[in-house]
Structures are given as C-alpha cells and as structure tokens.
C-alpha atoms as a PDB file:
ATOM      1  CA  MET A   1     175.411  12.182-114.674  1.00  0.00           C
ATOM      2  CA  ALA A   2     172.096  11.557-112.708  1.00  0.00           C
ATOM      3  CA  ALA A   3     171.442   8.583-114.934  1.00  0.00           C
ATOM      4  CA  VAL A   4     174.873   7.179-114.150  1.00  0.00           C
ATOM      5  CA  PHE A   5     174.265   7.500-110.462  1.00  0.00           C
ATOM      6  CA  ARG A   6     170.983   5.698-110.646  1.00  0.00           C
ATOM      7  CA  PHE A   7     172.448   2.973-112.759  1.00  0.00           C
ATOM      8  CA  SER A   8     175.196   2.684-110.060  1.00  0.00           C
ATOM      9  CA  GLN A   9     172.543   2.444-107.245  1.00  0.00           C
ATOM     10  CA  LEU A  10     170.709  -0.334-109.231  1.00  0.00           C
ATOM     11  CA  LEU A  11     173.767  -2.386-109.527  1.00  0.00           C
ATOM     12  CA  SER A  12     174.932  -1.928-105.825  1.00  0.00           C
ATOM     13  CA  SER A  13     173.718  -5.520-105.162  1.00  0.00           C
ATOM     14  CA  ALA A  14     175.945  -6.828-108.010  1.00  0.00           C
ATOM     15  CA  SER A  15     179.000  -8.864-107.099  1.00  0.00           C
ATOM     16  CA  GLY A  16     182.206  -6.877-105.771  1.00  0.00           C
ATOM     17  CA  SER A  17     184.341  -7.646-108.908  1.00  0.00           C
ATOM     18  CA  PHE A  18     181.682  -6.698-111.343  1.00  0.00           C
ATOM     19  CA  GLN A  19     180.763  -3.471-109.438  1.00  0.00           C
ATOM     20  CA  SER A  20     184.349  -2.277-109.120  1.00  0.00           C
ATOM     21  CA  ASN A  21     184.919  -2.852-112.850  1.00  0.00           C
ATOM     22  CA  LEU A  22     181.655  -0.968-113.734  1.00  0.00           C
ATOM     23  CA  ARG A  23     182.626   1.881-111.632  1.00  0.00           C
ATOM     24  CA  ARG A  24     186.101   2.087-112.982  1.00  0.00           C
ATOM     25  CA  ASN A  25     184.572   2.048-116.521  1.00  0.00           C
ATOM     26  CA  ILE A  26     181.973   4.703-115.699  1.00  0.00           C
ATOM     27  CA  GLY A  27     184.864   6.741-114.158  1.00  0.00           C
ATOM     28  CA  MET A  28     186.888   6.513-117.389  1.00  0.00           C
ATOM     29  CA  THR A  29     183.883   7.345-119.474  1.00  0.00           C
ATOM     30  CA  ALA A  30     183.196  10.440-117.297  1.00  0.00           C
ATOM     31  CA  VAL A  31     186.826  11.674-117.896  1.00  0.00           C
ATOM     32  CA  LEU A  32     186.580  11.064-121.536  1.00  0.00           C
ATOM     33  CA  LEU A  33     183.148  12.946-121.716  1.00  0.00           C
ATOM     34  CA  ALA A  34     184.514  15.926-119.807  1.00  0.00           C
ATOM     35  CA  LYS A  35     187.226  16.380-122.551  1.00  0.00           C
ATOM     36  CA  THR A  36     184.530  17.144-125.166  1.00  0.00           C
ATOM     37  CA  GLU A  37     184.582  20.409-126.979  1.00  0.00           C
ATOM     38  CA  LYS A  38     181.978  22.284-124.819  1.00  0.00           C
ATOM     39  CA  ASN A  39     183.775  21.287-121.533  1.00  0.00           C
ATOM     40  CA  ALA A  40     187.338  21.797-122.789  1.00  0.00           C
ATOM     41  CA  ASP A  41     189.748  23.984-120.950  1.00  0.00           C
ATOM     42  CA  PRO A  42     189.562  27.506-122.437  1.00  0.00           C
ATOM     43  CA  ILE A  43     193.401  27.889-122.529  1.00  0.00           C
ATOM     44  CA  GLN A  44     193.717  24.531-124.167  1.00  0.00           C
ATOM     45  CA  LYS A  45     191.197  25.360-126.666  1.00  0.00           C
ATOM     46  CA  LEU A  46     192.774  28.762-127.459  1.00  0.00           C
ATOM     47  CA  PHE A  47     196.134  26.878-127.969  1.00  0.00           C
ATOM     48  CA  VAL A  48     194.606  24.418-130.436  1.00  0.00           C
ATOM     49  CA  GLU A  49     192.940  27.229-132.270  1.00  0.00           C
ATOM     50  CA  LYS A  50     196.255  29.138-132.592  1.00  0.00           C
ATOM     51  CA  LEU A  51     197.992  26.026-133.811  1.00  0.00           C
ATOM     52  CA  GLN A  52     195.403  25.488-136.385  1.00  0.00           C
ATOM     53  CA  GLU A  53     195.632  29.106-137.541  1.00  0.00           C
ATOM     54  CA  TYR A  54     199.449  28.749-137.748  1.00  0.00           C
ATOM     55  CA  LYS A  55     199.160  25.806-139.836  1.00  0.00           C
ATOM     56  CA  LYS A  56     196.920  27.558-142.288  1.00  0.00           C
ATOM     57  CA  LYS A  57     199.287  30.542-142.531  1.00  0.00           C
ATOM     58  CA  SER A  58     202.249  28.336-142.922  1.00  0.00           C
ATOM     59  CA  THR A  59     200.749  26.582-145.939  1.00  0.00           C
ATOM     60  CA  VAL A  60     199.900  29.872-147.432  1.00  0.00           C
ATOM     61  CA  ALA A  61     203.425  31.030-146.920  1.00  0.00           C
ATOM     62  CA  GLY A  62     204.672  27.957-148.829  1.00  0.00           C
ATOM     63  CA  GLY A  63     206.359  26.367-145.536  1.00  0.00           C
ATOM     64  CA  GLY A  64     208.423  29.468-144.965  1.00  0.00           C
ATOM     65  CA  LEU A  65     208.318  31.936-142.100  1.00  0.00           C
ATOM     66  CA  VAL A  66     204.756  33.196-141.134  1.00  0.00           C
ATOM     67  CA  ASP A  67     203.797  36.901-140.869  1.00  0.00           C
ATOM     68  CA  VAL A  68     207.291  38.115-142.116  1.00  0.00           C
ATOM     69  CA  THR A  69     207.624  41.793-142.596  1.00  0.00           C
ATOM     70  CA  PRO A  70     209.973  43.109-145.394  1.00  0.00           C
ATOM     71  CA  ASP A  71     212.184  44.638-142.513  1.00  0.00           C
ATOM     72  CA  MET A  72     212.500  41.203-141.010  1.00  0.00           C
ATOM     73  CA  LYS A  73     213.515  39.665-144.225  1.00  0.00           C
ATOM     74  CA  ASP A  74     216.273  42.441-144.670  1.00  0.00           C
ATOM     75  CA  LYS A  75     217.592  41.801-141.236  1.00  0.00           C
ATOM     76  CA  MET A  76     217.671  38.041-141.956  1.00  0.00           C
ATOM     77  CA  GLU A  77     219.587  38.629-145.120  1.00  0.00           C
ATOM     78  CA  VAL A  78     222.122  40.701-143.305  1.00  0.00           C
ATOM     79  CA  GLU A  79     222.599  38.015-140.852  1.00  0.00           C
ATOM     80  CA  LYS A  80     223.039  35.511-143.492  1.00  0.00           C
ATOM     81  CA  GLN A  81     225.823  37.600-145.126  1.00  0.00           C
ATOM     82  CA  GLN A  82     227.692  37.922-141.893  1.00  0.00           C
ATOM     83  CA  ILE A  83     227.559  34.195-141.365  1.00  0.00           C
ATOM     84  CA  ARG A  84     228.790  33.571-144.896  1.00  0.00           C
ATOM     85  CA  LYS A  85     231.667  36.039-144.315  1.00  0.00           C
ATOM     86  CA  ARG A  86     232.680  34.292-141.079  1.00  0.00           C
ATOM     87  CA  TYR A  87     232.163  30.601-142.067  1.00  0.00           C
ATOM     88  CA  GLY A  88     232.435  30.553-145.830  1.00  0.00           C
ATOM     89  CA  GLU A  89     229.989  30.157-148.676  1.00  0.00           C
ATOM     90  CA  GLY A  90     227.376  27.490-148.747  1.00  0.00           C
ATOM     91  CA  ASN A  91     223.627  27.059-148.564  1.00  0.00           C
ATOM     92  CA  LEU A  92     222.502  28.044-145.234  1.00  0.00           C
ATOM     93  CA  GLU A  93     218.971  26.622-145.753  1.00  0.00           C
ATOM     94  CA  GLU A  94     220.023  22.994-145.670  1.00  0.00           C
ATOM     95  CA  PHE A  95     221.572  20.861-143.054  1.00  0.00           C
ATOM     96  CA  PRO A  96     225.241  20.334-143.571  1.00  0.00           C
ATOM     97  CA  LYS A  97     226.485  16.910-144.994  1.00  0.00           C
ATOM     98  CA  PHE A  98     229.323  15.275-142.982  1.00  0.00           C
ATOM     99  CA  ASP A  99     231.755  12.863-144.585  1.00  0.00           C
ATOM    100  CA  PHE A 100     233.659  10.862-142.076  1.00  0.00           C
ATOM    101  CA  LYS A 101     236.637   9.035-143.601  1.00  0.00           C
ATOM    102  CA  TYR A 102     238.807   6.899-141.421  1.00  0.00           C
ATOM    103  CA  LYS A 103     242.419   6.069-142.340  1.00  0.00           C
ATOM    104  CA  SER A 104     243.367   2.477-141.755  1.00  0.00           C
ATOM    105  CA  HIS A 105     246.632   1.790-140.231  1.00  0.00           C
END
C-alpha cells in the first residue's frame, strides 16, 4: 500500500479528471486485493470450505442425502408410507406432472 501512496503523491500534480479516475481505480484494486485468500473473512472462508466438503460428500453419495444414518432412512420410509396411504400411490421422488385440459364451449 505504501507504493500506491507514493504513486498517488507523484501524480498529485496531474489533471483533476485523470487524478480522480486513478484514485477510483486504485480504490477498486485495493478492494479486490483485500478479497484474496489470505485476507478473506474467516467466516466466509469456513462457509466456502463447508460447501466444498458437502459437494464432495454429495458426489460420493450419488446425489442422495449426505451423512444419512440407517435410523434416518427407516424414518424416511415410514413417512413415505404414511404419505402414500393418505394421497395414493405414486413415485414420491419425482415432481408430479400436471395435465390441464380445457373444455371448449
């Protein structure tokens, strides 16, 4: 940052328009450089790491649920059976298909 400050001092005699554009660009560069890996927000960094970890686990699970225990699978099957009893048979894993047919008068 010291080099940027010295560079700004050298250009202090430059025209107003050029100087304001330069400061704006240097300011934007400073913001972008602050977002590098070493200066990243620790919470944001942890969030990104957890997303990457989840993505790896999801691919290993074949796109299914991640970190599922046998007890959780059993509870899910019980819930599916209750839904089938209430609403009829059908594939609960896919989105329903609607067929809208209008009668003409």
